[in-house]
Structures are given as structure tokens and as C-alpha cells.
Amino acid sequence: MSEIEVNPPQRPVQPAQLTDESVIQFRCHPDVACFNKCCQQIDITLTPYDLLRLKRRLDLTSQQLLAAYTVPFEMDSDGLPGVKLRTEDDSPRCLFLTDKGCGIYEDRPTACRYYPVGLLSLRKTGSPVDEQSYAMVREEHCLGHLEPREITIADYRKEQEVEAYDVHSRGWRQLILKKKSTGPKVGSHTARSLQLFFLASYNLDGFRSFALSDGFRAAHDLDDATWESLREDDEALLEFGYRLLRQVLFGEDSIPLRGKPVESATEE
């Protein structure tokens, strides 16, 4: 069985594996003495949908957002690219933290919404689908665990409005999980395929230009409605990127081809 931490929770993590029906005791609000303390020491991996929401919120291009608010890192030994939320230059404090709290609260990343719950994705050997579960994070500074409120994880997820974040990043999580679970059987990915992973996952503007280029259009057999959705709909573009990556990284027949290899379109 393979497992990944989708929004890797800060340690210490309780070992119990939780479900949507599990009841937790937690509440965070401005009157808690530790309010905003967790935002002063962050290590947040961003999903593609996190970046899309921040891009819209800050009215930036993908390149501007990546340059100003993220730092790159490698998610595995093969160099699979990831990005983390940038912190202040001289401390691990979040750049969006203000005296009144989170300055981007309505568009805060997935990991911030789930805290203190860690979202896990698991796939049993031989199973074609992944299963979602959770872990509880308890840090010494966090007093939210002492608040007299019990809530199921399902209701906590609704309260924190994580559904759209999960829906629009699930395909990406499945890519990471499949790469980990298949291991050496699929071999090492080429530098070009890893570049495409970065483009489709994090640089939405660049990926749109790539997907709508003459070379790419010549290589793929899609109807007019699909091409239009890639031009106008950011969420549709993200989902299309995940499909393309399944094809490039794992050889799945996820997008109809006209005959030209994706590698050729990438070079063009």
C-alpha cells in the first residue's frame, strides 16, 4: 500500500488514521491566545489550485506569482518539482500574515484550511483508485484543541470550505501517488517531462500558451468546445493538464492524438 501526505502536516502527527465521521475537538478564533502563532512558522506545499486561487486573488500572472510568493523544491529523488509558499526573508513567518490575521483568508491554501487535520491519500496494491483519510496534528503552542467544541471531520471540511480545493487538486494528487506507488517500474522520467509537470501544475499562463499553440493543436484531436474551454476556463485547463501528464508520465491514452508525439509538440 502506498501513501502520500497531500498537505503534509507539521509534526507531531498522531498515529491514528481518521475518517470523515471521526470526531475532533478543535476551534480556532481570534480570542484564542495562540491565534496566528501557527502562521509565524510555516512550511506549506502548494497545490495547483492553491496557486490558481492566489493568482486570482492577487491579480498576478503565473510568472509573477511564482517569483514573488513561492520557492521551488524537489518532491522526490527523481526531481519531481514542487513549490512551497515563500516566507519572510529572515523568518519562517507567512508573507500574508497581518496584525488582524490572514490577509488572504478567503483564498488561503489547502494546508491552512485543513489545519490541524492532515489530509492523506492512500492506494492499496492492485487497487485502481485512491482512498482519502486524515491524521490529527497536535503542536504544543496550539490551544485550539482545548476549546470546548466537538465536530466531525466532514463538518470541519465544510466549515473550512475545502471541497473545491480537493476537487480541483485530486487529479494532481493521484499523479504524485501513482508515481510513488509504481516506483522503479516506470523508470526515470525525462527532464522534458519534469518540465512539463512544472508547467502544467504551477505555471497556468504558460501552460495555456503551450496547450493552445499550433504545434500542440496539430498533435491532439480535440473538439472545438474543448479548445474553447482551455482558452477560457482555468479549472478546465488544470484538469486537462492532469490528463496530459498521465499520458506523458505513464503512457495512458488520456487525450486523443493525431499522430505527432507530445515530445515533438513540446520541442516546438
C-alpha atoms as a PDB file:
ATOM      1  CA  MET A   1       0.000   0.000   0.000  1.00  0.00           C
ATOM      2  CA  SER A   2       1.353   3.436  -0.951  1.00  0.00           C
ATOM      3  CA  GLU A   3       0.610   6.594   0.929  1.00  0.00           C
ATOM      4  CA  ILE A   4       1.303  10.280   0.488  1.00  0.00           C
ATOM      5  CA  GLU A   5       0.667  13.256   2.700  1.00  0.00           C
ATOM      6  CA  VAL A   6      -1.264  15.578   0.427  1.00  0.00           C
ATOM      7  CA  ASN A   7      -0.943  18.668   2.570  1.00  0.00           C
ATOM      8  CA  PRO A   8       1.977  17.375   4.658  1.00  0.00           C
ATOM      9  CA  PRO A   9       1.006  18.318   8.201  1.00  0.00           C
ATOM     10  CA  GLN A  10       3.559  19.772  10.557  1.00  0.00           C
ATOM     11  CA  ARG A  11       4.731  17.339  13.215  1.00  0.00           C
ATOM     12  CA  PRO A  12       3.826  15.954  15.692  1.00  0.00           C
ATOM     13  CA  VAL A  13       1.151  13.869  13.975  1.00  0.00           C
ATOM     14  CA  GLN A  14      -0.988  11.485  15.975  1.00  0.00           C
ATOM     15  CA  PRO A  15      -0.695   7.938  14.594  1.00  0.00           C
ATOM     16  CA  ALA A  16      -4.447   7.213  14.428  1.00  0.00           C
ATOM     17  CA  GLN A  17      -5.944   7.203  10.924  1.00  0.00           C
ATOM     18  CA  LEU A  18      -9.215   9.136  10.849  1.00  0.00           C
ATOM     19  CA  THR A  19     -12.254   9.230   8.552  1.00  0.00           C
ATOM     20  CA  ASP A  20     -14.894  11.823   7.677  1.00  0.00           C
ATOM     21  CA  GLU A  21     -17.031  10.507  10.532  1.00  0.00           C
ATOM     22  CA  SER A  22     -14.270  10.873  13.134  1.00  0.00           C
ATOM     23  CA  VAL A  23     -14.972  13.499  15.809  1.00  0.00           C
ATOM     24  CA  ILE A  24     -12.282  16.010  16.749  1.00  0.00           C
ATOM     25  CA  GLN A  25     -12.181  18.677  19.440  1.00  0.00           C
ATOM     26  CA  PHE A  26     -10.907  21.906  17.917  1.00  0.00           C
ATOM     27  CA  ARG A  27     -11.798  25.510  17.247  1.00  0.00           C
ATOM     28  CA  CYS A  28      -9.643  28.415  16.126  1.00  0.00           C
ATOM     29  CA  HIS A  29     -10.785  32.023  16.545  1.00  0.00           C
ATOM     30  CA  PRO A  30      -9.269  35.449  17.312  1.00  0.00           C
ATOM     31  CA  ASP A  31      -9.828  35.148  21.054  1.00  0.00           C
ATOM     32  CA  VAL A  32      -7.633  32.052  21.392  1.00  0.00           C
ATOM     33  CA  ALA A  33      -4.333  33.098  22.990  1.00  0.00           C
ATOM     34  CA  CYS A  34      -2.258  31.375  20.295  1.00  0.00           C
ATOM     35  CA  PHE A  35      -4.161  32.987  17.386  1.00  0.00           C
ATOM     36  CA  ASN A  36      -1.884  33.346  14.323  1.00  0.00           C
ATOM     37  CA  LYS A  37       1.049  31.641  16.037  1.00  0.00           C
ATOM     38  CA  CYS A  38       0.942  28.759  13.537  1.00  0.00           C
ATOM     39  CA  CYS A  39       1.299  31.314  10.723  1.00  0.00           C
ATOM     40  CA  GLN A  40       4.617  32.508  12.159  1.00  0.00           C
ATOM     41  CA  GLN A  41       6.352  29.226  11.326  1.00  0.00           C
ATOM     42  CA  ILE A  42       5.053  27.725   8.104  1.00  0.00           C
ATOM     43  CA  ASP A  43       6.147  25.037   5.675  1.00  0.00           C
ATOM     44  CA  ILE A  44       3.324  24.887   3.150  1.00  0.00           C
ATOM     45  CA  THR A  45       3.393  22.886  -0.073  1.00  0.00           C
ATOM     46  CA  LEU A  46       1.079  24.474  -2.631  1.00  0.00           C
ATOM     47  CA  THR A  47      -1.254  22.576  -4.932  1.00  0.00           C
ATOM     48  CA  PRO A  48      -2.075  23.775  -8.468  1.00  0.00           C
ATOM     49  CA  TYR A  49      -5.483  25.002  -7.296  1.00  0.00           C
ATOM     50  CA  ASP A  50      -3.856  26.879  -4.399  1.00  0.00           C
ATOM     51  CA  LEU A  51      -1.811  28.768  -6.960  1.00  0.00           C
ATOM     52  CA  LEU A  52      -4.836  29.440  -9.145  1.00  0.00           C
ATOM     53  CA  ARG A  53      -6.742  30.948  -6.231  1.00  0.00           C
ATOM     54  CA  LEU A  54      -3.754  33.079  -5.192  1.00  0.00           C
ATOM     55  CA  LYS A  55      -3.204  34.203  -8.782  1.00  0.00           C
ATOM     56  CA  ARG A  56      -6.770  35.462  -8.996  1.00  0.00           C
ATOM     57  CA  ARG A  57      -6.713  36.977  -5.525  1.00  0.00           C
ATOM     58  CA  LEU A  58      -3.523  38.956  -6.124  1.00  0.00           C
ATOM     59  CA  ASP A  59      -4.274  39.710  -9.804  1.00  0.00           C
ATOM     60  CA  LEU A  60      -0.876  38.450 -10.915  1.00  0.00           C
ATOM     61  CA  THR A  61       0.402  36.423 -13.825  1.00  0.00           C
ATOM     62  CA  SER A  62       1.603  32.918 -13.034  1.00  0.00           C
ATOM     63  CA  GLN A  63       5.210  34.007 -13.513  1.00  0.00           C
ATOM     64  CA  GLN A  64       4.786  36.965 -11.165  1.00  0.00           C
ATOM     65  CA  LEU A  65       3.139  34.803  -8.509  1.00  0.00           C
ATOM     66  CA  LEU A  66       5.792  32.106  -8.681  1.00  0.00           C
ATOM     67  CA  ALA A  67       8.621  34.625  -8.498  1.00  0.00           C
ATOM     68  CA  ALA A  68       7.237  36.692  -5.630  1.00  0.00           C
ATOM     69  CA  TYR A  69       5.432  34.197  -3.404  1.00  0.00           C
ATOM     70  CA  THR A  70       6.852  30.710  -3.906  1.00  0.00           C
ATOM     71  CA  VAL A  71      10.086  28.746  -3.614  1.00  0.00           C
ATOM     72  CA  PRO A  72      10.819  25.562  -5.616  1.00  0.00           C
ATOM     73  CA  PHE A  73      11.776  22.212  -4.135  1.00  0.00           C
ATOM     74  CA  GLU A  74      12.023  18.585  -5.249  1.00  0.00           C
ATOM     75  CA  MET A  75       9.263  16.259  -4.070  1.00  0.00           C
ATOM     76  CA  ASP A  76      11.189  13.033  -4.652  1.00  0.00           C
ATOM     77  CA  SER A  77      14.587  11.623  -5.569  1.00  0.00           C
ATOM     78  CA  ASP A  78      13.774  11.869  -9.294  1.00  0.00           C
ATOM     79  CA  GLY A  79      13.463  15.638  -9.030  1.00  0.00           C
ATOM     80  CA  LEU A  80       9.668  15.877  -9.320  1.00  0.00           C
ATOM     81  CA  PRO A  81       9.163  19.643  -8.950  1.00  0.00           C
ATOM     82  CA  GLY A  82       7.066  21.198  -6.217  1.00  0.00           C
ATOM     83  CA  VAL A  83       6.573  24.704  -4.883  1.00  0.00           C
ATOM     84  CA  LYS A  84       6.160  25.989  -1.352  1.00  0.00           C
ATOM     85  CA  LEU A  85       4.735  29.230  -0.059  1.00  0.00           C
ATOM     86  CA  ARG A  86       7.523  31.742   0.427  1.00  0.00           C
ATOM     87  CA  THR A  87       8.135  33.126   3.908  1.00  0.00           C
ATOM     88  CA  GLU A  88       9.736  36.334   5.085  1.00  0.00           C
ATOM     89  CA  ASP A  89      13.436  36.613   4.281  1.00  0.00           C
ATOM     90  CA  ASP A  90      14.630  36.428   7.869  1.00  0.00           C
ATOM     91  CA  SER A  91      12.000  34.130   9.408  1.00  0.00           C
ATOM     92  CA  PRO A  92       9.514  31.327   8.617  1.00  0.00           C
ATOM     93  CA  ARG A  93       6.628  33.800   9.067  1.00  0.00           C
ATOM     94  CA  CYS A  94       3.950  33.791   6.343  1.00  0.00           C
ATOM     95  CA  LEU A  95       4.109  36.759   3.975  1.00  0.00           C
ATOM     96  CA  PHE A  96       0.323  37.148   4.163  1.00  0.00           C
ATOM     97  CA  LEU A  97       0.083  37.400   7.943  1.00  0.00           C
ATOM     98  CA  THR A  98      -1.225  40.762   9.173  1.00  0.00           C
ATOM     99  CA  ASP A  99      -1.999  42.174  12.606  1.00  0.00           C
ATOM    100  CA  LYS A 100      -5.640  41.177  12.065  1.00  0.00           C
ATOM    101  CA  GLY A 101      -4.882  37.681  10.830  1.00  0.00           C
ATOM    102  CA  CYS A 102      -4.587  36.105   7.393  1.00  0.00           C
ATOM    103  CA  GLY A 103      -4.580  38.709   4.646  1.00  0.00           C
ATOM    104  CA  ILE A 104      -5.835  36.219   2.035  1.00  0.00           C
ATOM    105  CA  TYR A 105      -8.202  34.249   4.262  1.00  0.00           C
ATOM    106  CA  GLU A 106     -10.892  33.614   1.631  1.00  0.00           C
ATOM    107  CA  ASP A 107      -8.242  32.179  -0.718  1.00  0.00           C
ATOM    108  CA  ARG A 108      -5.861  30.600   1.788  1.00  0.00           C
ATOM    109  CA  PRO A 109      -4.105  27.386   0.681  1.00  0.00           C
ATOM    110  CA  THR A 110      -5.359  23.856   1.263  1.00  0.00           C
ATOM    111  CA  ALA A 111      -2.963  23.111   4.127  1.00  0.00           C
ATOM    112  CA  CYS A 112      -4.129  26.211   6.006  1.00  0.00           C
ATOM    113  CA  ARG A 113      -7.784  25.231   5.605  1.00  0.00           C
ATOM    114  CA  TYR A 114      -7.269  21.693   6.842  1.00  0.00           C
ATOM    115  CA  TYR A 115      -5.092  22.527   9.849  1.00  0.00           C
ATOM    116  CA  PRO A 116      -4.906  20.836  12.352  1.00  0.00           C
ATOM    117  CA  VAL A 117      -6.058  17.951  10.162  1.00  0.00           C
ATOM    118  CA  GLY A 118      -3.625  16.353   7.748  1.00  0.00           C
ATOM    119  CA  LEU A 119      -5.111  15.018   4.503  1.00  0.00           C
ATOM    120  CA  LEU A 120      -3.698  11.637   3.426  1.00  0.00           C
ATOM    121  CA  SER A 121      -4.140   9.773   0.163  1.00  0.00           C
ATOM    122  CA  LEU A 122      -3.615   6.008   0.036  1.00  0.00           C
ATOM    123  CA  ARG A 123      -3.786   3.378  -2.668  1.00  0.00           C
ATOM    124  CA  LYS A 124      -3.750  -0.314  -1.856  1.00  0.00           C
ATOM    125  CA  THR A 125      -1.641  -2.594  -4.015  1.00  0.00           C
ATOM    126  CA  GLY A 126      -3.646  -3.598  -7.076  1.00  0.00           C
ATOM    127  CA  SER A 127      -6.386  -1.022  -6.488  1.00  0.00           C
ATOM    128  CA  PRO A 128      -7.133   1.398  -9.370  1.00  0.00           C
ATOM    129  CA  VAL A 129      -8.410   4.117  -7.019  1.00  0.00           C
ATOM    130  CA  ASP A 130      -7.006   6.001  -4.071  1.00  0.00           C
ATOM    131  CA  GLU A 131      -8.636   6.349  -0.670  1.00  0.00           C
ATOM    132  CA  GLN A 132      -8.749   9.529   1.384  1.00  0.00           C
ATOM    133  CA  SER A 133      -8.107   9.585   5.112  1.00  0.00           C
ATOM    134  CA  TYR A 134      -6.863  12.013   7.734  1.00  0.00           C
ATOM    135  CA  ALA A 135      -4.412  12.455  10.589  1.00  0.00           C
ATOM    136  CA  MET A 136      -4.533  14.846  13.531  1.00  0.00           C
ATOM    137  CA  VAL A 137      -1.749  17.338  14.190  1.00  0.00           C
ATOM    138  CA  ARG A 138      -1.036  18.483  17.745  1.00  0.00           C
ATOM    139  CA  GLU A 139       1.525  21.216  18.309  1.00  0.00           C
ATOM    140  CA  GLU A 140       2.392  22.445  21.785  1.00  0.00           C
ATOM    141  CA  HIS A 141       1.581  26.074  21.003  1.00  0.00           C
ATOM    142  CA  CYS A 142      -1.903  25.337  19.624  1.00  0.00           C
ATOM    143  CA  LEU A 143      -4.650  25.941  22.180  1.00  0.00           C
ATOM    144  CA  GLY A 144      -7.473  25.301  19.723  1.00  0.00           C
ATOM    145  CA  HIS A 145      -7.527  21.670  20.864  1.00  0.00           C
ATOM    146  CA  LEU A 146      -8.666  22.840  24.305  1.00  0.00           C
ATOM    147  CA  GLU A 147     -11.706  24.702  23.003  1.00  0.00           C
ATOM    148  CA  PRO A 148     -14.965  23.033  24.130  1.00  0.00           C
ATOM    149  CA  ARG A 149     -16.302  22.168  20.692  1.00  0.00           C
ATOM    150  CA  GLU A 150     -16.555  18.773  19.015  1.00  0.00           C
ATOM    151  CA  ILE A 151     -17.059  18.426  15.280  1.00  0.00           C
ATOM    152  CA  THR A 152     -16.770  15.654  12.723  1.00  0.00           C
ATOM    153  CA  ILE A 153     -14.049  15.960  10.133  1.00  0.00           C
ATOM    154  CA  ALA A 154     -16.747  16.023   7.441  1.00  0.00           C
ATOM    155  CA  ASP A 155     -18.369  19.065   9.058  1.00  0.00           C
ATOM    156  CA  TYR A 156     -14.983  20.671   9.685  1.00  0.00           C
ATOM    157  CA  ARG A 157     -14.187  20.302   5.987  1.00  0.00           C
ATOM    158  CA  LYS A 158     -17.473  22.009   5.100  1.00  0.00           C
ATOM    159  CA  GLU A 159     -16.776  24.785   7.605  1.00  0.00           C
ATOM    160  CA  GLN A 160     -13.334  25.398   6.121  1.00  0.00           C
ATOM    161  CA  GLU A 161     -14.658  25.184   2.527  1.00  0.00           C
ATOM    162  CA  VAL A 162     -12.099  22.665   1.331  1.00  0.00           C
ATOM    163  CA  GLU A 163     -14.329  20.832  -1.165  1.00  0.00           C
ATOM    164  CA  ALA A 164     -13.374  22.906  -4.227  1.00  0.00           C
ATOM    165  CA  TYR A 165      -9.709  22.641  -3.265  1.00  0.00           C
ATOM    166  CA  ASP A 166      -9.930  18.855  -3.039  1.00  0.00           C
ATOM    167  CA  VAL A 167     -11.917  18.507  -6.264  1.00  0.00           C
ATOM    168  CA  HIS A 168      -9.565  20.611  -8.349  1.00  0.00           C
ATOM    169  CA  SER A 169      -6.358  19.101  -6.987  1.00  0.00           C
ATOM    170  CA  ARG A 170      -7.336  15.452  -6.750  1.00  0.00           C
ATOM    171  CA  GLY A 171      -6.062  14.611 -10.238  1.00  0.00           C
ATOM    172  CA  TRP A 172      -2.714  16.119  -9.328  1.00  0.00           C
ATOM    173  CA  ARG A 173      -2.536  14.180  -6.067  1.00  0.00           C
ATOM    174  CA  GLN A 174      -3.295  10.980  -7.949  1.00  0.00           C
ATOM    175  CA  LEU A 175      -0.359  11.687 -10.267  1.00  0.00           C
ATOM    176  CA  ILE A 176       2.004  12.003  -7.318  1.00  0.00           C
ATOM    177  CA  LEU A 177       0.581   8.922  -5.646  1.00  0.00           C
ATOM    178  CA  LYS A 178       0.861   6.865  -8.843  1.00  0.00           C
ATOM    179  CA  LYS A 179       4.452   7.940  -9.362  1.00  0.00           C
ATOM    180  CA  LYS A 180       5.295   6.878  -5.820  1.00  0.00           C
ATOM    181  CA  SER A 181       3.376   3.590  -5.973  1.00  0.00           C
ATOM    182  CA  THR A 182       4.768   2.481  -9.343  1.00  0.00           C
ATOM    183  CA  GLY A 183       8.328   3.236  -8.279  1.00  0.00           C
ATOM    184  CA  PRO A 184      11.157   1.972 -10.488  1.00  0.00           C
ATOM    185  CA  LYS A 185       8.775   0.009 -12.723  1.00  0.00           C
ATOM    186  CA  VAL A 186       8.084   3.115 -14.768  1.00  0.00           C
ATOM    187  CA  GLY A 187      11.715   4.213 -14.934  1.00  0.00           C
ATOM    188  CA  SER A 188      13.117   7.695 -14.552  1.00  0.00           C
ATOM    189  CA  HIS A 189      11.233  10.497 -16.218  1.00  0.00           C
ATOM    190  CA  THR A 190      12.994  12.712 -18.725  1.00  0.00           C
ATOM    191  CA  ALA A 191      13.989  16.283 -17.958  1.00  0.00           C
ATOM    192  CA  ARG A 192      11.424  17.448 -20.526  1.00  0.00           C
ATOM    193  CA  SER A 193       8.591  15.519 -18.862  1.00  0.00           C
ATOM    194  CA  LEU A 194       9.501  17.052 -15.492  1.00  0.00           C
ATOM    195  CA  GLN A 195       9.487  20.492 -17.106  1.00  0.00           C
ATOM    196  CA  LEU A 196       6.017  19.762 -18.454  1.00  0.00           C
ATOM    197  CA  PHE A 197       4.931  18.671 -14.964  1.00  0.00           C
ATOM    198  CA  PHE A 198       6.027  22.054 -13.590  1.00  0.00           C
ATOM    199  CA  LEU A 199       4.352  23.943 -16.439  1.00  0.00           C
ATOM    200  CA  ALA A 200       1.002  22.141 -16.207  1.00  0.00           C
ATOM    201  CA  SER A 201       0.946  22.149 -12.392  1.00  0.00           C
ATOM    202  CA  TYR A 202       2.159  25.613 -11.476  1.00  0.00           C
ATOM    203  CA  ASN A 203       2.512  27.956 -14.467  1.00  0.00           C
ATOM    204  CA  LEU A 204      -1.078  28.139 -15.682  1.00  0.00           C
ATOM    205  CA  ASP A 205      -0.483  31.031 -18.079  1.00  0.00           C
ATOM    206  CA  GLY A 206       2.483  29.285 -19.644  1.00  0.00           C
ATOM    207  CA  PHE A 207       0.589  26.007 -19.923  1.00  0.00           C
ATOM    208  CA  ARG A 208      -2.339  27.730 -21.625  1.00  0.00           C
ATOM    209  CA  SER A 209       0.021  29.183 -24.242  1.00  0.00           C
ATOM    210  CA  PHE A 210       1.547  25.726 -24.719  1.00  0.00           C
ATOM    211  CA  ALA A 211      -1.805  23.923 -24.974  1.00  0.00           C
ATOM    212  CA  LEU A 212      -3.186  26.417 -27.492  1.00  0.00           C
ATOM    213  CA  SER A 213      -0.018  26.551 -29.620  1.00  0.00           C
ATOM    214  CA  ASP A 214      -0.174  25.461 -33.251  1.00  0.00           C
ATOM    215  CA  GLY A 215       2.168  22.537 -32.589  1.00  0.00           C
ATOM    216  CA  PHE A 216       0.111  21.184 -29.714  1.00  0.00           C
ATOM    217  CA  ARG A 217      -3.189  21.623 -31.529  1.00  0.00           C
ATOM    218  CA  ALA A 218      -1.776  19.775 -34.524  1.00  0.00           C
ATOM    219  CA  ALA A 219      -0.798  16.865 -32.278  1.00  0.00           C
ATOM    220  CA  HIS A 220      -4.122  16.414 -30.447  1.00  0.00           C
ATOM    221  CA  ASP A 221      -7.583  15.585 -31.746  1.00  0.00           C
ATOM    222  CA  LEU A 222      -9.981  17.650 -29.630  1.00  0.00           C
ATOM    223  CA  ASP A 223     -13.328  19.243 -30.479  1.00  0.00           C
ATOM    224  CA  ASP A 224     -13.879  22.988 -30.692  1.00  0.00           C
ATOM    225  CA  ALA A 225     -15.698  23.116 -27.338  1.00  0.00           C
ATOM    226  CA  THR A 226     -12.694  21.608 -25.568  1.00  0.00           C
ATOM    227  CA  TRP A 227     -10.250  24.034 -27.182  1.00  0.00           C
ATOM    228  CA  GLU A 228     -12.525  26.913 -26.150  1.00  0.00           C
ATOM    229  CA  SER A 229     -12.692  25.665 -22.556  1.00  0.00           C
ATOM    230  CA  LEU A 230      -8.891  25.536 -22.424  1.00  0.00           C
ATOM    231  CA  ARG A 231      -8.830  29.139 -23.598  1.00  0.00           C
ATOM    232  CA  GLU A 232     -11.454  30.475 -21.167  1.00  0.00           C
ATOM    233  CA  ASP A 233     -11.789  28.147 -18.147  1.00  0.00           C
ATOM    234  CA  ASP A 234      -8.884  27.937 -15.682  1.00  0.00           C
ATOM    235  CA  GLU A 235     -10.278  24.924 -13.822  1.00  0.00           C
ATOM    236  CA  ALA A 236     -10.824  23.043 -17.087  1.00  0.00           C
ATOM    237  CA  LEU A 237      -7.239  23.845 -18.048  1.00  0.00           C
ATOM    238  CA  LEU A 238      -5.959  22.402 -14.761  1.00  0.00           C
ATOM    239  CA  GLU A 239      -7.916  19.172 -15.282  1.00  0.00           C
ATOM    240  CA  PHE A 240      -6.667  18.917 -18.858  1.00  0.00           C
ATOM    241  CA  GLY A 241      -3.115  19.316 -17.563  1.00  0.00           C
ATOM    242  CA  TYR A 242      -3.555  16.360 -15.240  1.00  0.00           C
ATOM    243  CA  ARG A 243      -4.841  14.242 -18.150  1.00  0.00           C
ATOM    244  CA  LEU A 244      -1.878  15.246 -20.292  1.00  0.00           C
ATOM    245  CA  LEU A 245       0.564  14.407 -17.512  1.00  0.00           C
ATOM    246  CA  ARG A 246      -0.947  10.940 -17.115  1.00  0.00           C
ATOM    247  CA  GLN A 247      -0.265  10.440 -20.800  1.00  0.00           C
ATOM    248  CA  VAL A 248       3.282  11.805 -20.746  1.00  0.00           C
ATOM    249  CA  LEU A 249       4.440  10.319 -17.430  1.00  0.00           C
ATOM    250  CA  PHE A 250       2.681   6.953 -17.515  1.00  0.00           C
ATOM    251  CA  GLY A 251       1.716   6.314 -21.135  1.00  0.00           C
ATOM    252  CA  GLU A 252      -2.041   6.399 -20.539  1.00  0.00           C
ATOM    253  CA  ASP A 253      -4.305   7.061 -23.523  1.00  0.00           C
ATOM    254  CA  SER A 254      -5.953  10.030 -21.847  1.00  0.00           C
ATOM    255  CA  ILE A 255      -6.019  12.525 -24.748  1.00  0.00           C
ATOM    256  CA  PRO A 256      -6.682  11.616 -28.420  1.00  0.00           C
ATOM    257  CA  LEU A 257      -3.624  12.111 -30.627  1.00  0.00           C
ATOM    258  CA  ARG A 258      -3.420  12.879 -34.331  1.00  0.00           C
ATOM    259  CA  GLY A 259      -0.133  11.017 -34.587  1.00  0.00           C
ATOM    260  CA  LYS A 260       2.504  13.550 -33.559  1.00  0.00           C
ATOM    261  CA  PRO A 261       4.210  12.647 -30.239  1.00  0.00           C
ATOM    262  CA  VAL A 262       3.753  15.040 -27.348  1.00  0.00           C
ATOM    263  CA  GLU A 263       7.560  15.311 -27.114  1.00  0.00           C
ATOM    264  CA  SER A 264       7.605  16.850 -30.619  1.00  0.00           C
ATOM    265  CA  ALA A 265       4.926  19.358 -29.688  1.00  0.00           C
ATOM    266  CA  THR A 266       6.887  20.233 -26.558  1.00  0.00           C
ATOM    267  CA  GLU A 267      10.027  20.943 -28.585  1.00  0.00           C
ATOM    268  CA  GLU A 268       8.093  23.192 -30.945  1.00  0.00           C
END
